[in-house]
Amino acid sequence: MDVSVIILNYNTCELTLNAIQSVYDSQTSFSYEIIVVDNHSTDSSVMEIRRRHPDVMLVENPKNDGFSKGNNIGIKIANGRYILLLNSDTIMGSDSLQTMTSFMDRNLSVGAAGCKIVLPDGSLDKACKRGFPTPSASFYYAFGISKLFPKVARFNQYQLGYLDPDQDYPVDCLVGAFMMVRKQAIDQVGMLDEDFFMYGEDIDWCYRIKQGGWQIHYYPYTQIVHHKGASSRRKPFKIIYEFHRAMYLFHSKHYQNKYNFVVNGLVYMGIFLKFFVSLALNRFGSVR
């Protein structure tokens, strides 16, 4: 088996069915399997996936334990040389599987690779190529300095806006919506960290893969569509909480010992304040 495509589903029946079909529509010489892990959906997902796609390997979780644990369940039973994390709200290009698998086969030092990801309106999903959220990168991003100077590398360390999205190059991290990871790299550095419930796990994984000596590469010569935020513009407390908890977890895990108490204090204070501002904006219907 060349590629194991893992799709995590949680109450996104039609989106998941469309994502599965986009995989089946792939024009590829490589062998693949599709593993859908359902995180205890309450809609008709399980029934419809079984009915429309009986060849899919479907795992039913008795409860929703988050993105990391759900994908790890799929990774444990996967047979592929490569693991492809694919969001349920994505549509893969017909050439994506062929293009990305061929790239990985040609570049044995690459531990993980991602393609170009666009939103339904054709604009770039900027999360598809990122730098690590160091304190300085996070500061420039959070306070809008990166938007004021979009072509200045120093101020765009996180979203890498100064780099051409139509060229390929090594990056720090990709997004879990589409991430092809070499099984050999996973065997070395481990699976997704289950302390991250639904945000930050992709950045943490890429950080560990790079620490293990592997390259992370952005390869934009194929693309997928990401229906990001398709459910609602307003966010429940759980989503806002987990987003900011992931910031705290990542910094405390990877950066706390690299910076002094002043920098760490400012980082944690910034996360705390941003959390309450996001809650307030969400409460009054503003867009984050």
Protein backbone atom coordinates (compact mmCIF):
# COMPACT_ATOMS: atom_id res chain seq x y z
CA MET A 1 0.00 0.00 0.00
CA ASP A 2 1.40 3.39 -0.99
CA VAL A 3 -0.89 5.90 0.72
CA SER A 4 -3.33 5.68 3.60
CA VAL A 5 -5.80 8.57 3.40
CA ILE A 6 -7.22 9.35 6.83
CA ILE A 7 -10.35 11.47 7.11
CA LEU A 8 -11.74 12.42 10.51
CA ASN A 9 -15.51 12.93 10.55
CA TYR A 10 -17.66 14.68 13.11
CA ASN A 11 -21.18 15.57 11.99
CA THR A 12 -20.04 16.61 8.50
CA CYS A 13 -21.83 13.94 6.50
CA GLU A 14 -22.10 15.59 3.07
CA LEU A 15 -18.70 17.25 3.28
CA THR A 16 -17.08 13.94 4.20
CA LEU A 17 -18.85 12.10 1.39
CA ASN A 18 -17.59 14.72 -1.06
CA ALA A 19 -14.05 14.45 0.30
CA ILE A 20 -14.14 10.66 -0.08
CA GLN A 21 -15.41 10.94 -3.63
CA SER A 22 -12.61 13.36 -4.51
CA VAL A 23 -10.11 10.71 -3.42
CA TYR A 24 -11.84 8.07 -5.54
CA ASP A 25 -11.72 10.47 -8.48
CA SER A 26 -7.92 10.58 -8.25
CA GLN A 27 -5.98 9.77 -11.39
CA THR A 28 -3.03 7.92 -9.94
CA SER A 29 -0.81 4.91 -10.45
CA PHE A 30 -0.30 4.56 -6.72
CA SER A 31 -2.32 2.26 -4.48
CA TYR A 32 -4.28 3.82 -1.63
CA GLU A 33 -6.77 3.06 1.09
CA ILE A 34 -9.30 5.37 2.71
CA ILE A 35 -9.78 5.25 6.48
CA VAL A 36 -12.61 7.31 7.95
CA VAL A 37 -12.62 7.74 11.71
CA ASP A 38 -15.98 8.93 13.00
CA ASN A 39 -15.81 10.84 16.28
CA HIS A 40 -19.24 9.81 17.58
CA SER A 41 -21.32 11.82 15.09
CA THR A 42 -25.00 12.31 15.78
CA ASP A 43 -25.97 12.92 12.16
CA SER A 44 -26.36 10.27 9.42
CA SER A 45 -22.62 10.11 8.66
CA VAL A 46 -21.95 6.50 9.61
CA MET A 47 -24.99 5.12 7.82
CA GLU A 48 -24.38 7.14 4.65
CA ILE A 49 -20.66 6.39 4.45
CA ARG A 50 -21.34 2.67 4.81
CA ARG A 51 -24.09 2.85 2.19
CA ARG A 52 -22.32 4.94 -0.44
CA HIS A 53 -18.72 3.84 0.09
CA PRO A 54 -18.63 0.26 1.39
CA ASP A 55 -14.93 -0.05 0.51
CA VAL A 56 -13.96 2.64 3.00
CA MET A 57 -12.49 1.39 6.27
CA LEU A 58 -14.81 3.03 8.82
CA VAL A 59 -13.96 3.26 12.51
CA GLU A 60 -16.70 4.35 14.91
CA ASN A 61 -15.43 6.03 18.07
CA PRO A 62 -17.71 5.78 21.12
CA LYS A 63 -16.94 9.44 21.97
CA ASN A 64 -15.28 12.52 20.51
CA ASP A 65 -11.75 12.69 21.88
CA GLY A 66 -10.54 15.30 19.44
CA PHE A 67 -8.62 15.66 16.19
CA SER A 68 -5.31 14.20 17.32
CA LYS A 69 -6.64 11.06 18.96
CA GLY A 70 -9.08 10.40 16.12
CA ASN A 71 -6.34 10.62 13.49
CA ASN A 72 -3.99 8.53 15.62
CA ILE A 73 -6.58 5.74 15.63
CA GLY A 74 -6.48 5.84 11.84
CA ILE A 75 -2.66 5.93 11.74
CA LYS A 76 -2.43 2.83 13.93
CA ILE A 77 -4.39 0.71 11.45
CA ALA A 78 -2.96 2.29 8.29
CA ASN A 79 -0.92 0.18 5.89
CA GLY A 80 0.56 2.88 3.66
CA ARG A 81 4.14 4.02 3.18
CA TYR A 82 2.67 7.49 3.50
CA ILE A 83 -0.06 8.81 5.75
CA LEU A 84 -2.22 11.56 4.25
CA LEU A 85 -4.26 13.58 6.73
CA LEU A 86 -7.21 14.99 4.80
CA ASN A 87 -9.86 17.23 6.32
CA SER A 88 -13.46 16.26 5.81
CA ASP A 89 -14.18 19.74 4.40
CA THR A 90 -11.72 19.47 1.51
CA ILE A 91 -11.95 18.51 -2.15
CA MET A 92 -8.79 16.98 -3.51
CA GLY A 93 -7.56 17.66 -7.04
CA SER A 94 -7.64 14.69 -9.39
CA ASP A 95 -3.83 14.85 -9.69
CA SER A 96 -3.07 15.58 -6.02
CA LEU A 97 -2.40 12.03 -4.89
CA GLN A 98 -0.16 11.29 -7.87
CA THR A 99 1.74 14.57 -7.65
CA MET A 100 2.42 14.49 -3.93
CA THR A 101 3.29 10.79 -3.71
CA SER A 102 5.70 11.13 -6.64
CA PHE A 103 7.30 14.12 -4.95
CA MET A 104 7.79 12.19 -1.71
CA ASP A 105 9.27 9.24 -3.58
CA ARG A 106 11.80 11.53 -5.28
CA ASN A 107 12.80 13.35 -2.08
CA LEU A 108 13.73 10.84 0.58
CA SER A 109 14.82 13.50 3.10
CA VAL A 110 11.33 15.02 3.21
CA GLY A 111 9.34 13.80 6.19
CA ALA A 112 6.14 15.71 5.42
CA ALA A 113 4.81 17.68 2.47
CA GLY A 114 1.76 19.74 1.68
CA CYS A 115 0.26 21.16 -1.47
CA LYS A 116 -1.32 24.50 -2.27
CA ILE A 117 -4.65 24.93 -0.50
CA VAL A 118 -7.23 27.42 -1.71
CA LEU A 119 -10.53 28.57 -0.26
CA PRO A 120 -13.77 28.30 -2.26
CA ASP A 121 -13.29 31.85 -3.59
CA GLY A 122 -9.89 30.90 -5.00
CA SER A 123 -7.81 32.77 -2.44
CA LEU A 124 -4.93 31.09 -0.67
CA ASP A 125 -5.48 29.34 2.64
CA LYS A 126 -2.44 30.90 4.27
CA ALA A 127 -2.15 28.12 6.83
CA CYS A 128 -0.84 25.75 4.15
CA LYS A 129 2.71 27.13 4.55
CA ARG A 130 3.86 28.58 7.83
CA GLY A 131 6.79 29.32 10.07
CA PHE A 132 6.80 28.26 13.69
CA PRO A 133 4.95 30.59 16.11
CA THR A 134 7.97 31.91 17.96
CA PRO A 135 7.29 34.79 20.36
CA SER A 136 8.45 37.36 17.80
CA ALA A 137 6.53 35.74 14.92
CA SER A 138 3.40 35.58 17.06
CA PHE A 139 3.79 39.20 18.13
CA TYR A 140 4.08 40.52 14.56
CA TYR A 141 1.11 38.40 13.50
CA ALA A 142 -1.18 39.12 16.46
CA PHE A 143 -0.70 42.89 16.31
CA GLY A 144 -1.17 43.17 12.56
CA ILE A 145 2.40 44.22 11.79
CA SER A 146 2.72 41.39 9.27
CA LYS A 147 -0.23 42.86 7.33
CA LEU A 148 1.35 46.31 7.29
CA PHE A 149 4.58 44.93 5.82
CA PRO A 150 3.50 41.82 3.88
CA LYS A 151 6.73 41.52 1.88
CA VAL A 152 9.15 41.96 4.76
CA ALA A 153 10.50 38.60 5.93
CA ARG A 154 11.18 39.74 9.49
CA PHE A 155 7.54 40.68 10.05
CA ASN A 156 6.08 37.67 8.22
CA GLN A 157 7.79 34.80 9.98
CA TYR A 158 4.51 33.00 10.66
CA GLN A 159 2.43 33.10 7.45
CA LEU A 160 5.46 33.58 5.16
CA GLY A 161 3.57 36.11 3.06
CA TYR A 162 6.79 37.30 1.43
CA LEU A 163 7.24 33.93 -0.32
CA ASP A 164 5.61 33.17 -3.67
CA PRO A 165 2.73 30.70 -3.09
CA ASP A 166 3.30 29.27 -6.58
CA GLN A 167 6.89 28.19 -5.88
CA ASP A 168 8.04 25.24 -3.78
CA TYR A 169 10.43 25.48 -0.82
CA PRO A 170 11.11 24.08 2.65
CA VAL A 171 8.91 25.50 5.40
CA ASP A 172 8.55 24.98 9.12
CA CYS A 173 5.03 23.63 9.18
CA LEU A 174 2.00 22.65 7.14
CA VAL A 175 -1.68 22.39 7.97
CA GLY A 176 -3.49 19.20 8.98
CA ALA A 177 -6.15 19.78 6.31
CA PHE A 178 -3.75 18.16 3.84
CA MET A 179 -0.48 16.76 5.11
CA MET A 180 1.36 13.79 3.61
CA VAL A 181 3.74 12.27 6.14
CA ARG A 182 6.30 9.55 5.59
CA LYS A 183 5.53 6.51 7.76
CA GLN A 184 9.23 6.18 8.52
CA ALA A 185 9.19 9.69 10.05
CA ILE A 186 6.14 8.81 12.16
CA ASP A 187 7.87 5.67 13.43
CA GLN A 188 10.77 7.86 14.51
CA VAL A 189 9.07 10.88 16.12
CA GLY A 190 5.69 9.45 17.12
CA MET A 191 2.11 10.24 16.21
CA LEU A 192 0.07 13.37 16.89
CA ASP A 193 0.21 14.69 20.45
CA GLU A 194 -3.21 13.96 21.95
CA ASP A 195 -2.88 16.81 24.46
CA PHE A 196 -3.90 19.03 21.52
CA PHE A 197 -7.65 18.55 21.08
CA MET A 198 -8.37 20.33 17.79
CA TYR A 199 -5.74 23.03 17.12
CA GLY A 200 -1.94 23.17 17.11
CA GLU A 201 -1.36 19.46 16.68
CA ASP A 202 -0.15 19.93 13.10
CA ILE A 203 2.39 22.58 14.13
CA ASP A 204 3.60 20.43 17.01
CA TRP A 205 3.93 17.41 14.71
CA CYS A 206 5.93 19.36 12.14
CA TYR A 207 8.15 20.72 14.90
CA ARG A 208 8.96 17.20 16.08
CA ILE A 209 9.46 15.93 12.53
CA LYS A 210 12.00 18.71 11.87
CA GLN A 211 13.71 18.00 15.18
CA GLY A 212 14.03 14.41 13.99
CA GLY A 213 16.14 15.61 11.06
CA TRP A 214 13.46 15.52 8.35
CA GLN A 215 12.52 18.32 5.97
CA ILE A 216 9.05 19.85 5.72
CA HIS A 217 8.20 20.96 2.19
CA TYR A 218 5.55 23.09 0.53
CA TYR A 219 4.83 21.82 -3.01
CA PRO A 220 2.18 23.91 -4.81
CA TYR A 221 2.03 22.13 -8.16
CA THR A 222 -1.30 20.60 -7.28
CA GLN A 223 -4.04 22.05 -5.10
CA ILE A 224 -7.08 21.21 -3.02
CA VAL A 225 -10.10 23.29 -2.03
CA HIS A 226 -10.71 23.83 1.67
CA HIS A 227 -14.22 24.80 2.72
CA LYS A 228 -12.81 26.40 5.84
CA GLY A 229 -15.33 27.56 8.42
CA ALA A 230 -18.23 26.20 6.37
CA SER A 231 -20.38 25.50 9.42
CA SER A 232 -20.67 28.90 11.09
CA ARG A 233 -18.99 32.23 11.54
CA ARG A 234 -19.91 32.29 15.21
CA LYS A 235 -17.84 30.03 17.39
CA PRO A 236 -18.87 28.13 20.49
CA PHE A 237 -16.83 28.51 23.65
CA LYS A 238 -15.14 25.12 23.14
CA ILE A 239 -13.57 26.17 19.83
CA ILE A 240 -12.27 29.47 21.17
CA TYR A 241 -10.97 27.78 24.31
CA GLU A 242 -9.13 24.99 22.45
CA PHE A 243 -7.62 27.45 19.97
CA HIS A 244 -5.98 29.43 22.74
CA ARG A 245 -5.15 26.40 24.87
CA ALA A 246 -3.19 25.07 21.88
CA MET A 247 -1.12 28.27 21.85
CA TYR A 248 -0.31 27.76 25.51
CA LEU A 249 0.52 24.06 25.05
CA PHE A 250 2.85 24.66 22.13
CA HIS A 251 4.80 27.45 23.81
CA SER A 252 5.11 25.62 27.13
CA LYS A 253 6.21 22.41 25.37
CA HIS A 254 8.75 23.80 22.91
CA TYR A 255 9.72 27.36 23.82
CA GLN A 256 9.34 27.92 27.55
CA ASN A 257 12.83 26.61 28.34
CA LYS A 258 14.38 28.68 25.55
CA TYR A 259 13.22 32.08 26.84
CA ASN A 260 13.48 33.92 30.13
CA PHE A 261 10.60 34.45 32.52
CA VAL A 262 9.87 37.94 31.16
CA VAL A 263 9.30 36.72 27.61
CA ASN A 264 7.33 33.72 28.82
CA GLY A 265 5.20 35.92 31.04
CA LEU A 266 4.42 38.28 28.17
CA VAL A 267 3.52 35.35 25.91
CA TYR A 268 1.13 33.81 28.42
CA MET A 269 -0.39 37.18 29.22
CA GLY A 270 -0.93 37.80 25.51
CA ILE A 271 -2.66 34.43 25.08
CA PHE A 272 -4.83 35.13 28.11
CA LEU A 273 -5.88 38.58 26.88
CA LYS A 274 -6.48 37.36 23.34
CA PHE A 275 -8.71 34.59 24.68
CA PHE A 276 -10.99 37.03 26.51
CA VAL A 277 -11.04 39.48 23.59
CA SER A 278 -12.07 36.62 21.26
CA LEU A 279 -14.82 35.61 23.67
CA ALA A 280 -16.12 39.16 23.80
CA LEU A 281 -16.03 39.61 20.02
CA ASN A 282 -17.80 36.30 19.51
CA ARG A 283 -20.42 37.15 22.12
CA PHE A 284 -21.37 40.35 20.32
CA GLY A 285 -21.34 38.81 16.86
CA SER A 286 -18.11 40.27 15.55
CA VAL A 287 -15.92 38.33 13.15
CA ARG A 288 -12.57 37.29 14.55
